[in-house]
């Protein structure tokens, strides 16, 4: 079994993130490039478009150099961008919509994922007596989810995307997430891995590689995949998005256009060059088993937006899902383009 080391992503990882993949300009090149501070919550596979854009020279060709800072949570990513501390950020959609509903002025300018990236696993020991993994996986999805009744389901923070998807999935299967399952706020990714290994939780949903690692270790089995589109009702639930402040976009429209187009190029490359992208992720995450990195990368690529564009229909769906789940109040949020999102920088 792997230890927790490969999955620890704290502020100490900033140097690895910024320098290890060449995101800081080389000496002598800085004067020719626009240096941009970029905020994100974690160094993980949801950053595939950023990693690819750097590796393929899309940022460099546009005269951009990113300085990435890891922030402890999406709300701080958003407030840092809105407050002018950074030009761009990559928050998850639930925190972003809460910020919009709360009156913060923020602008989504490129979409990383058309589907959420969480993959669900359940411990083999948590299956009903006499049920084999093969029998369990042969069940329809709603019946697989109902096996979670009475089990401990780990979440990575109240109100985050993992919480949203977990509750939606449980409710969709006919269970009450507040009564029929025990939602355990485990915290960050390393804590989730430790919790399922120590049998403190029975199941969880996370962006790979953790789900595939515990499956490979023989602890759990994958019962649900967001990137694969297992549940039609969640197929257009966004994961993370590229945001800037409207005032910054007004002052620097060309920089925003270059940034958004670089992400779109990277999405298209990753979808077309899947094995090359998996090899890049192996170089960036060498501590994780090569086959786990490959499997995880290919899964996350399935969720990438092909053109980095948003749609009013999908935005309205995000709002509805979060309101129905109690993650937003009933205060209306306009879903039309030009409010808090736009595709104009991708034209």
C-alpha atoms as a PDB file:
ATOM      1  CA  UNK A   1       0.000   0.000   0.000  1.00  0.00           C
ATOM      2  CA  UNK A   2       1.077   3.571  -0.658  1.00  0.00           C
ATOM      3  CA  UNK A   3       1.429   5.900   2.309  1.00  0.00           C
ATOM      4  CA  UNK A   4      -0.178   9.341   2.567  1.00  0.00           C
ATOM      5  CA  UNK A   5       2.880  11.165   1.271  1.00  0.00           C
ATOM      6  CA  UNK A   6       1.931  11.459  -2.401  1.00  0.00           C
ATOM      7  CA  UNK A   7      -1.370  13.094  -1.529  1.00  0.00           C
ATOM      8  CA  UNK A   8      -0.265  15.779   0.867  1.00  0.00           C
ATOM      9  CA  UNK A   9      -0.853  19.191  -0.745  1.00  0.00           C
ATOM     10  CA  UNK A  10      -0.169  22.064   1.605  1.00  0.00           C
ATOM     11  CA  UNK A  11       1.543  25.401   1.200  1.00  0.00           C
ATOM     12  CA  UNK A  12       4.864  23.589   1.066  1.00  0.00           C
ATOM     13  CA  UNK A  13       3.765  22.257  -2.319  1.00  0.00           C
ATOM     14  CA  UNK A  14       3.757  25.763  -3.759  1.00  0.00           C
ATOM     15  CA  UNK A  15       7.436  25.680  -4.673  1.00  0.00           C
ATOM     16  CA  UNK A  16       6.990  22.317  -6.389  1.00  0.00           C
ATOM     17  CA  UNK A  17       3.948  23.613  -8.221  1.00  0.00           C
ATOM     18  CA  UNK A  18       5.375  26.900  -9.382  1.00  0.00           C
ATOM     19  CA  UNK A  19       8.948  25.886 -10.124  1.00  0.00           C
ATOM     20  CA  UNK A  20       8.742  22.151 -10.695  1.00  0.00           C
ATOM     21  CA  UNK A  21       6.595  22.467 -13.792  1.00  0.00           C
ATOM     22  CA  UNK A  22       8.213  25.624 -15.095  1.00  0.00           C
ATOM     23  CA  UNK A  23       5.393  28.031 -14.355  1.00  0.00           C
ATOM     24  CA  UNK A  24       7.800  30.758 -13.352  1.00  0.00           C
ATOM     25  CA  UNK A  25       9.621  32.441 -16.192  1.00  0.00           C
ATOM     26  CA  UNK A  26      13.245  31.582 -16.751  1.00  0.00           C
ATOM     27  CA  UNK A  27      15.823  34.307 -16.005  1.00  0.00           C
ATOM     28  CA  UNK A  28      15.839  36.834 -18.772  1.00  0.00           C
ATOM     29  CA  UNK A  29      12.343  35.942 -19.960  1.00  0.00           C
ATOM     30  CA  UNK A  30      10.312  37.727 -17.305  1.00  0.00           C
ATOM     31  CA  UNK A  31      10.519  41.135 -18.978  1.00  0.00           C
ATOM     32  CA  UNK A  32       8.915  39.725 -22.109  1.00  0.00           C
ATOM     33  CA  UNK A  33       6.035  38.104 -20.280  1.00  0.00           C
ATOM     34  CA  UNK A  34       3.070  39.299 -18.251  1.00  0.00           C
ATOM     35  CA  UNK A  35       3.339  37.707 -14.820  1.00  0.00           C
ATOM     36  CA  UNK A  36      -0.021  36.736 -13.377  1.00  0.00           C
ATOM     37  CA  UNK A  37      -0.883  35.536  -9.889  1.00  0.00           C
ATOM     38  CA  UNK A  38      -3.195  32.526 -10.039  1.00  0.00           C
ATOM     39  CA  UNK A  39      -5.041  31.142  -7.008  1.00  0.00           C
ATOM     40  CA  UNK A  40      -6.269  27.582  -6.592  1.00  0.00           C
ATOM     41  CA  UNK A  41      -7.251  25.339  -3.728  1.00  0.00           C
ATOM     42  CA  UNK A  42      -5.059  22.302  -4.345  1.00  0.00           C
ATOM     43  CA  UNK A  43      -2.411  20.822  -6.591  1.00  0.00           C
ATOM     44  CA  UNK A  44      -4.475  18.054  -8.128  1.00  0.00           C
ATOM     45  CA  UNK A  45      -5.759  16.652 -11.403  1.00  0.00           C
ATOM     46  CA  UNK A  46      -8.431  19.332 -11.743  1.00  0.00           C
ATOM     47  CA  UNK A  47      -5.467  21.480 -12.814  1.00  0.00           C
ATOM     48  CA  UNK A  48      -4.806  19.364 -15.918  1.00  0.00           C
ATOM     49  CA  UNK A  49      -5.626  22.292 -18.255  1.00  0.00           C
ATOM     50  CA  UNK A  50      -3.123  24.535 -16.463  1.00  0.00           C
ATOM     51  CA  UNK A  51      -0.431  21.853 -16.473  1.00  0.00           C
ATOM     52  CA  UNK A  52      -0.996  21.141 -20.176  1.00  0.00           C
ATOM     53  CA  UNK A  53      -1.068  24.831 -21.120  1.00  0.00           C
ATOM     54  CA  UNK A  54       2.317  25.288 -19.484  1.00  0.00           C
ATOM     55  CA  UNK A  55       3.848  22.101 -20.864  1.00  0.00           C
ATOM     56  CA  UNK A  56       2.677  22.798 -24.422  1.00  0.00           C
ATOM     57  CA  UNK A  57       3.766  26.431 -24.301  1.00  0.00           C
ATOM     58  CA  UNK A  58       0.270  27.902 -24.669  1.00  0.00           C
ATOM     59  CA  UNK A  59       0.838  30.418 -21.867  1.00  0.00           C
ATOM     60  CA  UNK A  60       4.338  31.216 -23.047  1.00  0.00           C
ATOM     61  CA  UNK A  61       3.212  31.739 -26.634  1.00  0.00           C
ATOM     62  CA  UNK A  62       0.657  34.257 -25.384  1.00  0.00           C
ATOM     63  CA  UNK A  63       3.307  36.089 -23.353  1.00  0.00           C
ATOM     64  CA  UNK A  64       1.931  34.905 -20.007  1.00  0.00           C
ATOM     65  CA  UNK A  65       3.733  33.535 -16.938  1.00  0.00           C
ATOM     66  CA  UNK A  66       1.704  32.201 -14.005  1.00  0.00           C
ATOM     67  CA  UNK A  67       2.677  32.368 -10.364  1.00  0.00           C
ATOM     68  CA  UNK A  68       0.401  29.856  -8.659  1.00  0.00           C
ATOM     69  CA  UNK A  69      -0.541  30.172  -5.028  1.00  0.00           C
ATOM     70  CA  UNK A  70      -2.359  27.450  -3.118  1.00  0.00           C
ATOM     71  CA  UNK A  71      -5.177  28.740  -0.927  1.00  0.00           C
ATOM     72  CA  UNK A  72      -6.958  26.817   1.852  1.00  0.00           C
ATOM     73  CA  UNK A  73     -10.404  26.779   0.288  1.00  0.00           C
ATOM     74  CA  UNK A  74     -12.407  28.145  -2.635  1.00  0.00           C
ATOM     75  CA  UNK A  75     -13.830  31.142  -0.691  1.00  0.00           C
ATOM     76  CA  UNK A  76     -10.293  32.492  -0.250  1.00  0.00           C
ATOM     77  CA  UNK A  77      -9.578  31.908  -3.932  1.00  0.00           C
ATOM     78  CA  UNK A  78     -12.636  33.976  -4.836  1.00  0.00           C
ATOM     79  CA  UNK A  79     -11.999  36.755  -2.317  1.00  0.00           C
ATOM     80  CA  UNK A  80      -8.371  37.001  -3.464  1.00  0.00           C
ATOM     81  CA  UNK A  81      -9.462  37.525  -7.067  1.00  0.00           C
ATOM     82  CA  UNK A  82     -12.315  39.908  -6.229  1.00  0.00           C
ATOM     83  CA  UNK A  83     -10.050  41.873  -3.898  1.00  0.00           C
ATOM     84  CA  UNK A  84      -7.396  42.311  -6.565  1.00  0.00           C
ATOM     85  CA  UNK A  85      -4.711  40.167  -4.920  1.00  0.00           C
ATOM     86  CA  UNK A  86      -4.630  37.899  -7.972  1.00  0.00           C
ATOM     87  CA  UNK A  87      -5.592  38.204 -11.624  1.00  0.00           C
ATOM     88  CA  UNK A  88      -7.199  34.774 -11.887  1.00  0.00           C
ATOM     89  CA  UNK A  89      -8.462  31.929  -9.760  1.00  0.00           C
ATOM     90  CA  UNK A  90      -9.821  28.402 -10.087  1.00  0.00           C
ATOM     91  CA  UNK A  91     -12.634  27.850  -7.553  1.00  0.00           C
ATOM     92  CA  UNK A  92     -15.236  25.100  -7.431  1.00  0.00           C
ATOM     93  CA  UNK A  93     -18.722  25.992  -8.607  1.00  0.00           C
ATOM     94  CA  UNK A  94     -20.635  25.777  -5.255  1.00  0.00           C
ATOM     95  CA  UNK A  95     -18.477  28.385  -3.527  1.00  0.00           C
ATOM     96  CA  UNK A  96     -18.585  30.586  -6.593  1.00  0.00           C
ATOM     97  CA  UNK A  97     -22.381  30.586  -6.806  1.00  0.00           C
ATOM     98  CA  UNK A  98     -22.658  31.327  -3.083  1.00  0.00           C
ATOM     99  CA  UNK A  99     -20.331  34.289  -3.596  1.00  0.00           C
ATOM    100  CA  UNK A 100     -22.434  35.543  -6.515  1.00  0.00           C
ATOM    101  CA  UNK A 101     -25.635  35.183  -4.521  1.00  0.00           C
ATOM    102  CA  UNK A 102     -23.952  37.021  -1.666  1.00  0.00           C
ATOM    103  CA  UNK A 103     -23.235  40.006  -3.878  1.00  0.00           C
ATOM    104  CA  UNK A 104     -19.581  39.538  -4.840  1.00  0.00           C
ATOM    105  CA  UNK A 105     -18.787  40.639  -8.380  1.00  0.00           C
ATOM    106  CA  UNK A 106     -16.844  37.908 -10.133  1.00  0.00           C
ATOM    107  CA  UNK A 107     -16.668  36.784 -13.746  1.00  0.00           C
ATOM    108  CA  UNK A 108     -16.320  33.218 -15.051  1.00  0.00           C
ATOM    109  CA  UNK A 109     -14.338  33.352 -18.311  1.00  0.00           C
ATOM    110  CA  UNK A 110     -13.455  29.722 -19.124  1.00  0.00           C
ATOM    111  CA  UNK A 111     -14.816  26.343 -18.132  1.00  0.00           C
ATOM    112  CA  UNK A 112     -12.489  23.513 -17.156  1.00  0.00           C
ATOM    113  CA  UNK A 113     -15.042  20.708 -16.912  1.00  0.00           C
ATOM    114  CA  UNK A 114     -18.492  19.985 -18.337  1.00  0.00           C
ATOM    115  CA  UNK A 115     -18.975  17.239 -15.746  1.00  0.00           C
ATOM    116  CA  UNK A 116     -18.038  16.954 -12.117  1.00  0.00           C
ATOM    117  CA  UNK A 117     -14.885  14.930 -11.487  1.00  0.00           C
ATOM    118  CA  UNK A 118     -15.827  12.930  -8.384  1.00  0.00           C
ATOM    119  CA  UNK A 119     -15.614   9.133  -8.354  1.00  0.00           C
ATOM    120  CA  UNK A 120     -17.392   7.147  -5.631  1.00  0.00           C
ATOM    121  CA  UNK A 121     -15.984   4.137  -3.789  1.00  0.00           C
ATOM    122  CA  UNK A 122     -17.316   1.844  -1.067  1.00  0.00           C
ATOM    123  CA  UNK A 123     -15.305  -0.436   1.200  1.00  0.00           C
ATOM    124  CA  UNK A 124     -15.694  -4.093   0.310  1.00  0.00           C
ATOM    125  CA  UNK A 125     -16.291  -4.855   3.975  1.00  0.00           C
ATOM    126  CA  UNK A 126     -19.259  -2.440   3.958  1.00  0.00           C
ATOM    127  CA  UNK A 127     -21.197  -4.510   1.430  1.00  0.00           C
ATOM    128  CA  UNK A 128     -24.202  -6.449   2.787  1.00  0.00           C
ATOM    129  CA  UNK A 129     -23.416  -9.933   4.116  1.00  0.00           C
ATOM    130  CA  UNK A 130     -23.086 -12.455   1.328  1.00  0.00           C
ATOM    131  CA  UNK A 131     -22.847  -9.819  -1.410  1.00  0.00           C
ATOM    132  CA  UNK A 132     -19.717 -10.037  -3.557  1.00  0.00           C
ATOM    133  CA  UNK A 133     -18.218  -7.019  -5.346  1.00  0.00           C
ATOM    134  CA  UNK A 134     -19.258  -8.573  -8.650  1.00  0.00           C
ATOM    135  CA  UNK A 135     -22.868  -8.953  -7.518  1.00  0.00           C
ATOM    136  CA  UNK A 136     -22.872  -5.410  -6.150  1.00  0.00           C
ATOM    137  CA  UNK A 137     -21.515  -3.859  -9.349  1.00  0.00           C
ATOM    138  CA  UNK A 138     -24.142  -5.713 -11.388  1.00  0.00           C
ATOM    139  CA  UNK A 139     -26.897  -3.806  -9.556  1.00  0.00           C
ATOM    140  CA  UNK A 140     -28.475  -0.688 -11.097  1.00  0.00           C
ATOM    141  CA  UNK A 141     -26.927   2.560  -9.840  1.00  0.00           C
ATOM    142  CA  UNK A 142     -29.833   3.454  -7.550  1.00  0.00           C
ATOM    143  CA  UNK A 143     -29.591   0.089  -5.795  1.00  0.00           C
ATOM    144  CA  UNK A 144     -25.813   0.450  -5.446  1.00  0.00           C
ATOM    145  CA  UNK A 145     -26.312   3.819  -3.789  1.00  0.00           C
ATOM    146  CA  UNK A 146     -29.015   2.476  -1.466  1.00  0.00           C
ATOM    147  CA  UNK A 147     -26.443   0.069  -0.047  1.00  0.00           C
ATOM    148  CA  UNK A 148     -25.010   3.194   1.608  1.00  0.00           C
ATOM    149  CA  UNK A 149     -28.002   3.291   3.990  1.00  0.00           C
ATOM    150  CA  UNK A 150     -26.711   3.188   7.534  1.00  0.00           C
ATOM    151  CA  UNK A 151     -23.116   3.577   6.362  1.00  0.00           C
ATOM    152  CA  UNK A 152     -20.609   6.353   7.059  1.00  0.00           C
ATOM    153  CA  UNK A 153     -20.090   8.516   3.960  1.00  0.00           C
ATOM    154  CA  UNK A 154     -17.053  10.789   4.052  1.00  0.00           C
ATOM    155  CA  UNK A 155     -17.185  14.354   2.736  1.00  0.00           C
ATOM    156  CA  UNK A 156     -14.386  16.874   2.271  1.00  0.00           C
ATOM    157  CA  UNK A 157     -15.907  19.939   3.883  1.00  0.00           C
ATOM    158  CA  UNK A 158     -19.511  21.012   4.377  1.00  0.00           C
ATOM    159  CA  UNK A 159     -20.962  22.788   1.343  1.00  0.00           C
ATOM    160  CA  UNK A 160     -18.208  21.801  -1.063  1.00  0.00           C
ATOM    161  CA  UNK A 161     -18.664  19.986  -4.343  1.00  0.00           C
ATOM    162  CA  UNK A 162     -18.125  16.573  -2.702  1.00  0.00           C
ATOM    163  CA  UNK A 163     -20.908  17.349  -0.222  1.00  0.00           C
ATOM    164  CA  UNK A 164     -23.195  18.562  -3.035  1.00  0.00           C
ATOM    165  CA  UNK A 165     -22.673  15.457  -5.170  1.00  0.00           C
ATOM    166  CA  UNK A 166     -22.882  13.056  -2.208  1.00  0.00           C
ATOM    167  CA  UNK A 167     -26.185  14.460  -1.006  1.00  0.00           C
ATOM    168  CA  UNK A 168     -27.651  14.653  -4.511  1.00  0.00           C
ATOM    169  CA  UNK A 169     -26.726  11.051  -5.258  1.00  0.00           C
ATOM    170  CA  UNK A 170     -28.155   9.760  -1.976  1.00  0.00           C
ATOM    171  CA  UNK A 171     -31.368  11.754  -2.425  1.00  0.00           C
ATOM    172  CA  UNK A 172     -31.712  10.631  -6.053  1.00  0.00           C
ATOM    173  CA  UNK A 173     -31.588   6.998  -4.884  1.00  0.00           C
ATOM    174  CA  UNK A 174     -34.538   7.607  -2.560  1.00  0.00           C
ATOM    175  CA  UNK A 175     -32.645   8.063   0.705  1.00  0.00           C
ATOM    176  CA  UNK A 176     -32.560  11.022   3.080  1.00  0.00           C
ATOM    177  CA  UNK A 177     -28.943  12.244   3.342  1.00  0.00           C
ATOM    178  CA  UNK A 178     -29.588  13.618   6.848  1.00  0.00           C
ATOM    179  CA  UNK A 179     -31.263  10.491   8.217  1.00  0.00           C
ATOM    180  CA  UNK A 180     -30.309   7.435   6.170  1.00  0.00           C
ATOM    181  CA  UNK A 181     -26.537   7.919   5.919  1.00  0.00           C
ATOM    182  CA  UNK A 182     -23.967   9.245   8.336  1.00  0.00           C
ATOM    183  CA  UNK A 183     -22.180  12.110   6.574  1.00  0.00           C
ATOM    184  CA  UNK A 184     -18.755  12.461   8.163  1.00  0.00           C
ATOM    185  CA  UNK A 185     -16.801  15.643   7.509  1.00  0.00           C
ATOM    186  CA  UNK A 186     -13.357  14.094   7.234  1.00  0.00           C
ATOM    187  CA  UNK A 187     -11.612  17.125   5.776  1.00  0.00           C
ATOM    188  CA  UNK A 188      -8.875  17.075   3.184  1.00  0.00           C
ATOM    189  CA  UNK A 189      -7.776  14.368   0.763  1.00  0.00           C
ATOM    190  CA  UNK A 190      -5.080  12.727   2.933  1.00  0.00           C
ATOM    191  CA  UNK A 191      -7.570  12.548   5.801  1.00  0.00           C
ATOM    192  CA  UNK A 192     -10.110  10.810   3.555  1.00  0.00           C
ATOM    193  CA  UNK A 193      -7.565   8.216   2.517  1.00  0.00           C
ATOM    194  CA  UNK A 194      -6.587   7.582   6.124  1.00  0.00           C
ATOM    195  CA  UNK A 195     -10.220   7.410   7.239  1.00  0.00           C
ATOM    196  CA  UNK A 196     -11.259   4.700   4.799  1.00  0.00           C
ATOM    197  CA  UNK A 197      -8.123   2.685   5.497  1.00  0.00           C
ATOM    198  CA  UNK A 198      -8.829   2.901   9.241  1.00  0.00           C
ATOM    199  CA  UNK A 199     -12.514   1.961   8.673  1.00  0.00           C
ATOM    200  CA  UNK A 200     -13.723   5.278  10.115  1.00  0.00           C
ATOM    201  CA  UNK A 201     -15.786   5.751   6.952  1.00  0.00           C
ATOM    202  CA  UNK A 202     -17.344   3.251   4.581  1.00  0.00           C
ATOM    203  CA  UNK A 203     -17.480   5.251   1.361  1.00  0.00           C
ATOM    204  CA  UNK A 204     -16.620   8.596  -0.230  1.00  0.00           C
ATOM    205  CA  UNK A 205     -16.573  10.546  -3.479  1.00  0.00           C
ATOM    206  CA  UNK A 206     -13.426  12.384  -4.560  1.00  0.00           C
ATOM    207  CA  UNK A 207     -11.591  13.486  -7.673  1.00  0.00           C
ATOM    208  CA  UNK A 208      -9.037  10.780  -8.563  1.00  0.00           C
ATOM    209  CA  UNK A 209      -6.445   9.473  -7.815  1.00  0.00           C
ATOM    210  CA  UNK A 210      -7.556   8.548  -4.277  1.00  0.00           C
ATOM    211  CA  UNK A 211     -10.593   6.487  -5.366  1.00  0.00           C
ATOM    212  CA  UNK A 212      -8.545   4.424  -7.808  1.00  0.00           C
ATOM    213  CA  UNK A 213      -5.720   4.048  -5.297  1.00  0.00           C
ATOM    214  CA  UNK A 214      -7.954   2.468  -2.650  1.00  0.00           C
ATOM    215  CA  UNK A 215      -9.494   0.246  -5.322  1.00  0.00           C
ATOM    216  CA  UNK A 216      -6.031  -0.856  -6.430  1.00  0.00           C
ATOM    217  CA  UNK A 217      -5.100  -1.492  -2.792  1.00  0.00           C
ATOM    218  CA  UNK A 218      -8.063  -3.891  -2.546  1.00  0.00           C
ATOM    219  CA  UNK A 219      -9.835  -1.816   0.107  1.00  0.00           C
ATOM    220  CA  UNK A 220     -12.776  -0.550  -1.924  1.00  0.00           C
ATOM    221  CA  UNK A 221     -14.532  -0.718  -5.261  1.00  0.00           C
ATOM    222  CA  UNK A 222     -15.693   2.074  -7.555  1.00  0.00           C
ATOM    223  CA  UNK A 223     -19.494   2.252  -7.669  1.00  0.00           C
ATOM    224  CA  UNK A 224     -19.990   5.649  -9.346  1.00  0.00           C
ATOM    225  CA  UNK A 225     -18.162   7.903 -11.815  1.00  0.00           C
ATOM    226  CA  UNK A 226     -19.031  11.524 -12.466  1.00  0.00           C
ATOM    227  CA  UNK A 227     -16.560  11.869 -15.370  1.00  0.00           C
ATOM    228  CA  UNK A 228     -18.152   8.839 -17.025  1.00  0.00           C
ATOM    229  CA  UNK A 229     -21.571  10.478 -16.721  1.00  0.00           C
ATOM    230  CA  UNK A 230     -23.166   7.687 -14.689  1.00  0.00           C
ATOM    231  CA  UNK A 231     -26.061   9.873 -13.542  1.00  0.00           C
ATOM    232  CA  UNK A 232     -27.706  11.884 -16.358  1.00  0.00           C
ATOM    233  CA  UNK A 233     -29.064  14.467 -13.911  1.00  0.00           C
ATOM    234  CA  UNK A 234     -25.483  15.427 -12.979  1.00  0.00           C
ATOM    235  CA  UNK A 235     -23.866  15.254 -16.412  1.00  0.00           C
ATOM    236  CA  UNK A 236     -23.651  19.025 -16.739  1.00  0.00           C
ATOM    237  CA  UNK A 237     -22.565  19.814 -13.199  1.00  0.00           C
ATOM    238  CA  UNK A 238     -19.415  21.902 -13.551  1.00  0.00           C
ATOM    239  CA  UNK A 239     -16.400  21.245 -11.353  1.00  0.00           C
ATOM    240  CA  UNK A 240     -13.919  24.152 -11.376  1.00  0.00           C
ATOM    241  CA  UNK A 241     -13.881  27.292 -13.516  1.00  0.00           C
ATOM    242  CA  UNK A 242     -11.506  30.119 -14.444  1.00  0.00           C
ATOM    243  CA  UNK A 243     -12.541  33.402 -12.836  1.00  0.00           C
ATOM    244  CA  UNK A 244     -11.357  36.977 -12.775  1.00  0.00           C
ATOM    245  CA  UNK A 245     -12.735  40.252 -11.438  1.00  0.00           C
ATOM    246  CA  UNK A 246     -14.991  42.186 -13.844  1.00  0.00           C
ATOM    247  CA  UNK A 247     -12.886  45.295 -13.257  1.00  0.00           C
ATOM    248  CA  UNK A 248      -9.731  43.394 -14.232  1.00  0.00           C
ATOM    249  CA  UNK A 249     -11.418  42.064 -17.372  1.00  0.00           C
ATOM    250  CA  UNK A 250     -12.453  45.591 -18.306  1.00  0.00           C
ATOM    251  CA  UNK A 251      -8.926  46.951 -17.837  1.00  0.00           C
ATOM    252  CA  UNK A 252      -7.094  43.981 -19.386  1.00  0.00           C
ATOM    253  CA  UNK A 253      -9.394  42.303 -21.936  1.00  0.00           C
ATOM    254  CA  UNK A 254      -6.507  40.987 -24.037  1.00  0.00           C
ATOM    255  CA  UNK A 255      -4.871  39.272 -21.071  1.00  0.00           C
ATOM    256  CA  UNK A 256      -8.174  37.641 -20.128  1.00  0.00           C
ATOM    257  CA  UNK A 257      -8.665  36.561 -23.753  1.00  0.00           C
ATOM    258  CA  UNK A 258      -5.172  35.038 -23.890  1.00  0.00           C
ATOM    259  CA  UNK A 259      -5.723  33.213 -20.623  1.00  0.00           C
ATOM    260  CA  UNK A 260      -9.138  31.835 -21.576  1.00  0.00           C
ATOM    261  CA  UNK A 261      -7.962  30.721 -24.997  1.00  0.00           C
ATOM    262  CA  UNK A 262      -4.935  28.992 -23.487  1.00  0.00           C
ATOM    263  CA  UNK A 263      -7.235  26.953 -21.254  1.00  0.00           C
ATOM    264  CA  UNK A 264      -9.432  26.080 -24.242  1.00  0.00           C
ATOM    265  CA  UNK A 265      -6.358  24.954 -26.207  1.00  0.00           C
ATOM    266  CA  UNK A 266      -5.206  22.844 -23.283  1.00  0.00           C
ATOM    267  CA  UNK A 267      -8.617  21.187 -22.909  1.00  0.00           C
ATOM    268  CA  UNK A 268      -8.656  20.298 -26.599  1.00  0.00           C
ATOM    269  CA  UNK A 269      -5.093  18.939 -26.463  1.00  0.00           C
ATOM    270  CA  UNK A 270      -5.778  16.772 -23.395  1.00  0.00           C
ATOM    271  CA  UNK A 271      -8.918  15.303 -24.959  1.00  0.00           C
ATOM    272  CA  UNK A 272      -7.077  14.501 -28.191  1.00  0.00           C
ATOM    273  CA  UNK A 273      -3.735  13.434 -26.685  1.00  0.00           C
ATOM    274  CA  UNK A 274      -4.914  11.373 -23.752  1.00  0.00           C
ATOM    275  CA  UNK A 275      -1.859   9.147 -23.320  1.00  0.00           C
ATOM    276  CA  UNK A 276       0.554  12.073 -23.695  1.00  0.00           C
ATOM    277  CA  UNK A 277      -1.411  13.948 -21.030  1.00  0.00           C
ATOM    278  CA  UNK A 278      -1.314  10.910 -18.750  1.00  0.00           C
ATOM    279  CA  UNK A 279       2.465  10.739 -19.225  1.00  0.00           C
ATOM    280  CA  UNK A 280       2.726  14.420 -18.257  1.00  0.00           C
ATOM    281  CA  UNK A 281       0.730  13.804 -15.086  1.00  0.00           C
ATOM    282  CA  UNK A 282       3.044  10.901 -14.242  1.00  0.00           C
ATOM    283  CA  UNK A 283       6.004  13.277 -14.468  1.00  0.00           C
ATOM    284  CA  UNK A 284       4.250  15.812 -12.244  1.00  0.00           C
ATOM    285  CA  UNK A 285       3.032  13.260  -9.677  1.00  0.00           C
ATOM    286  CA  UNK A 286       5.903  10.733  -9.616  1.00  0.00           C
ATOM    287  CA  UNK A 287       5.134   9.520  -6.078  1.00  0.00           C
ATOM    288  CA  UNK A 288       1.810   8.001  -7.176  1.00  0.00           C
ATOM    289  CA  UNK A 289       1.776   4.593  -8.844  1.00  0.00           C
ATOM    290  CA  UNK A 290       2.050   5.012 -12.635  1.00  0.00           C
ATOM    291  CA  UNK A 291      -1.045   2.970 -13.457  1.00  0.00           C
ATOM    292  CA  UNK A 292      -3.122   4.855 -10.867  1.00  0.00           C
ATOM    293  CA  UNK A 293      -2.000   8.185 -12.344  1.00  0.00           C
ATOM    294  CA  UNK A 294      -2.836   6.984 -15.852  1.00  0.00           C
ATOM    295  CA  UNK A 295      -6.257   5.638 -14.883  1.00  0.00           C
ATOM    296  CA  UNK A 296      -7.024   8.819 -12.951  1.00  0.00           C
ATOM    297  CA  UNK A 297      -5.899  11.143 -15.722  1.00  0.00           C
ATOM    298  CA  UNK A 298      -7.947   9.357 -18.375  1.00  0.00           C
ATOM    299  CA  UNK A 299     -11.012   9.517 -16.120  1.00  0.00           C
ATOM    300  CA  UNK A 300     -10.636  13.235 -15.434  1.00  0.00           C
ATOM    301  CA  UNK A 301     -10.056  13.956 -19.132  1.00  0.00           C
ATOM    302  CA  UNK A 302     -13.504  12.481 -19.808  1.00  0.00           C
ATOM    303  CA  UNK A 303     -14.973  15.383 -17.834  1.00  0.00           C
ATOM    304  CA  UNK A 304     -13.060  18.167 -19.622  1.00  0.00           C
ATOM    305  CA  UNK A 305     -15.039  20.739 -21.556  1.00  0.00           C
ATOM    306  CA  UNK A 306     -14.184  20.393 -25.274  1.00  0.00           C
ATOM    307  CA  UNK A 307     -14.223  24.155 -25.883  1.00  0.00           C
ATOM    308  CA  UNK A 308     -14.099  25.727 -22.372  1.00  0.00           C
ATOM    309  CA  UNK A 309     -17.463  27.383 -22.976  1.00  0.00           C
ATOM    310  CA  UNK A 310     -20.408  27.780 -20.629  1.00  0.00           C
ATOM    311  CA  UNK A 311     -24.095  27.412 -21.454  1.00  0.00           C
ATOM    312  CA  UNK A 312     -27.038  29.207 -19.892  1.00  0.00           C
ATOM    313  CA  UNK A 313     -28.847  25.871 -19.599  1.00  0.00           C
ATOM    314  CA  UNK A 314     -26.024  24.281 -17.622  1.00  0.00           C
ATOM    315  CA  UNK A 315     -25.591  27.373 -15.430  1.00  0.00           C
ATOM    316  CA  UNK A 316     -29.304  27.252 -14.603  1.00  0.00           C
ATOM    317  CA  UNK A 317     -28.898  23.574 -13.712  1.00  0.00           C
ATOM    318  CA  UNK A 318     -26.051  24.327 -11.300  1.00  0.00           C
ATOM    319  CA  UNK A 319     -28.198  26.924  -9.567  1.00  0.00           C
ATOM    320  CA  UNK A 320     -31.199  24.598  -9.353  1.00  0.00           C
ATOM    321  CA  UNK A 321     -29.160  21.680  -7.955  1.00  0.00           C
ATOM    322  CA  UNK A 322     -27.585  23.847  -5.271  1.00  0.00           C
ATOM    323  CA  UNK A 323     -30.865  25.520  -4.322  1.00  0.00           C
ATOM    324  CA  UNK A 324     -32.742  22.218  -4.151  1.00  0.00           C
ATOM    325  CA  UNK A 325     -29.988  20.776  -1.980  1.00  0.00           C
ATOM    326  CA  UNK A 326     -30.046  23.714   0.427  1.00  0.00           C
ATOM    327  CA  UNK A 327     -26.575  24.943  -0.552  1.00  0.00           C
ATOM    328  CA  UNK A 328     -28.006  28.229  -1.827  1.00  0.00           C
ATOM    329  CA  UNK A 329     -30.897  30.295  -0.557  1.00  0.00           C
ATOM    330  CA  UNK A 330     -33.940  30.794  -2.768  1.00  0.00           C
ATOM    331  CA  UNK A 331     -32.783  34.289  -3.714  1.00  0.00           C
ATOM    332  CA  UNK A 332     -32.805  34.310  -7.545  1.00  0.00           C
ATOM    333  CA  UNK A 333     -29.521  34.193  -9.448  1.00  0.00           C
ATOM    334  CA  UNK A 334     -29.738  35.225 -13.124  1.00  0.00           C
ATOM    335  CA  UNK A 335     -28.330  32.538 -15.405  1.00  0.00           C
ATOM    336  CA  UNK A 336     -28.005  34.640 -18.560  1.00  0.00           C
ATOM    337  CA  UNK A 337     -24.635  35.355 -20.142  1.00  0.00           C
ATOM    338  CA  UNK A 338     -23.146  38.679 -19.145  1.00  0.00           C
ATOM    339  CA  UNK A 339     -24.096  38.420 -15.491  1.00  0.00           C
ATOM    340  CA  UNK A 340     -21.322  36.476 -13.756  1.00  0.00           C
ATOM    341  CA  UNK A 341     -20.178  34.417 -16.747  1.00  0.00           C
ATOM    342  CA  UNK A 342     -19.265  35.008 -20.379  1.00  0.00           C
ATOM    343  CA  UNK A 343     -17.889  33.243 -23.450  1.00  0.00           C
ATOM    344  CA  UNK A 344     -16.795  36.442 -25.169  1.00  0.00           C
ATOM    345  CA  UNK A 345     -13.133  35.963 -24.391  1.00  0.00           C
ATOM    346  CA  UNK A 346     -13.192  32.636 -26.215  1.00  0.00           C
ATOM    347  CA  UNK A 347     -14.535  34.099 -29.481  1.00  0.00           C
END
